[in-house]
Amino acid sequence: MEEFDVCVIGAGFGGASVAALLAHRGLKVALLEKTARAGGKTQTTERKGYRFEMFGAVGIPAYNSRFHELVDVLGIADRTPFVVPEGDAASIRYLNKDGVWKVSYNPLVATGSEKEMADMKATLGVTDADLEALAAFYGEILSLDNAAIDALDNTGAFEWMARFDLAAPLVSQICMNLNTLFVVAVDRLPASEMIYALRDQVLGGAGRYHIGGYGHVAEVCAEYVQERGGLYLTKTRVQEILVEDGRAAGVRIDGRDIRARTVISNAGIQPTVLKLAGARHFPAAYVERVTSLEPSWAICGFRYVLDKRIFDAALIPVFSDESWLDEKRYQDMLKGKWPNVPLIAIDVPSEFDPGLSDVPGHQLANCQVFMPADTESALVDEAIARCEAVIDELWPELKDHIVRKEPYGAKQIASMSRDVAVPGCGGEAVGIAQVIGQCGRSKPDARTPLPGLYIVGCDAGGKGAGTHQAVDSGFNVAAMVAADLESA
């Protein structure tokens, strides 16, 4: 029988980071992953000479992130180099109120230069007075201390933003950004979450990528666990969490038990509580709360391999003033009332790391739109078709250069991350939704009511956007578990 200090279920960025950080502290760690690679939703796969994310993945902030802290603490920075392309590596395609597509190119780390301001005015059709209002908006974001930001957990981001009377195109650009970062409705996103993320973007830029694929950092964290004498298994599904004498005591995999003083799950709070451990081991009120947690939206779209460079930037948002989504617009979309342009996010990994393709000049791209987290949702076909129509309009030559085109949606996301434990959930792009009532002080505690069982990743323990939240949780939960084990 194998015995460990800690058993971590799932090698997404939350699980991989907490496992490596605890191994760094000298604990004996087992890390178990049901798929073939670490990285969770952002894992990098390899197929026929190409390496790419299964779903779009680019990190914020570009600099001074929890990722930088992680690789420095573990001493693996030389094995996981980061890259932020220089020059105008970001581009927007904006359909203005007159029905004209406007295009601008910008650096991933904004400088506020005269050129950037002139480009914004020309592209979005705004004035110097509009930019002064935008400066006031960002000025207040930068002036707030953490306590003041945390006090806004129950204030909607859109409500807080409305005080600045921003021009419609500027609202569209900010809300587009928030939708893509958090994958929730902007009026339900807490202002606190918005402010932390936008502050990170202003101070640290956007568009950090990891050489070798975005998921490479998680892969190296998993290797680190092994190098420290731990166990790392892939293609290994945890069948259940063992509960003995009222506490988590390990896990069962493929008919054998792995014993551990502590179990940390990166499998999602709902699958962990309702399926792996079992609701009978938790108070009824806790089970009711976990069952009621709302997922973020899912994404759907295409992964492209192209035989030439079609997309001319690393990050390309495509939007109009109708594209960004609050709760009403999202519900309208579910009923078939679509905006003139669905909000499309295009990530082009080969612009960050040309080495992802064995064939020089070939381009890898990921084009995605939003859909419900329900793995059985019928919206995926309509969403993808509308996305494809806009892509064909803006890049008509693309269809003549497709080497491979792979569609995906909530069902594919669920197959690579969390199992479906509650109807309508499973395909969420982030985890439980970062909406009012589920963030800040209302976010689930990383310590569950079952002693010895913790949750890590985007469902508990951290704050921030996407994988940055997952790694923040990894740091926080590692410190929590180490302290609890030391005092036990």
Foldseek 3Di string as FASTA:
>chain_A
DAEWAEEEEALALLRLLLLLVLLLVVTAYAYEAQADFHHAQFAWDDDDQFIAGPADDFDPPQPPFLLVVSCVSNVCCVVKPKFADDDQQEKEFEQEPVRDTFMDTHGQQDDPDPVVVVSCCVHLVDDPVLVVLVCVVLVVLVPDDLVVLLVQLQAFLVNVSVVSVHDLSVVQVLLLVVCVQFLAARRFFGNSQSSVAVVRCNVRGIGMAIAVGNRVSSRVSLVSSVVSVYHYYYSWDFQAFDADPQFTFFTDTPRDTYGHLFYEYQQAPLCRCPGRHHVVSADPVVNVVRQPFAFRWFKKEKKFKFQADQDDHQKYWYYYSLARGHPVQQVCVLVPNHDPAHTKIKGWVCVRPVSSGPDHRITIMHIIGTHFLALPDPCRVVRHVRSVVVVCVVRVCRVVTTPDMDIDINNVSLVRGHPDNHGRHRSGPAGRGNGRQCDNVNQDAQQGPRHRYGYAGRRYQAGHTGSSRRSNSSVRVSVVSVVVVVVD
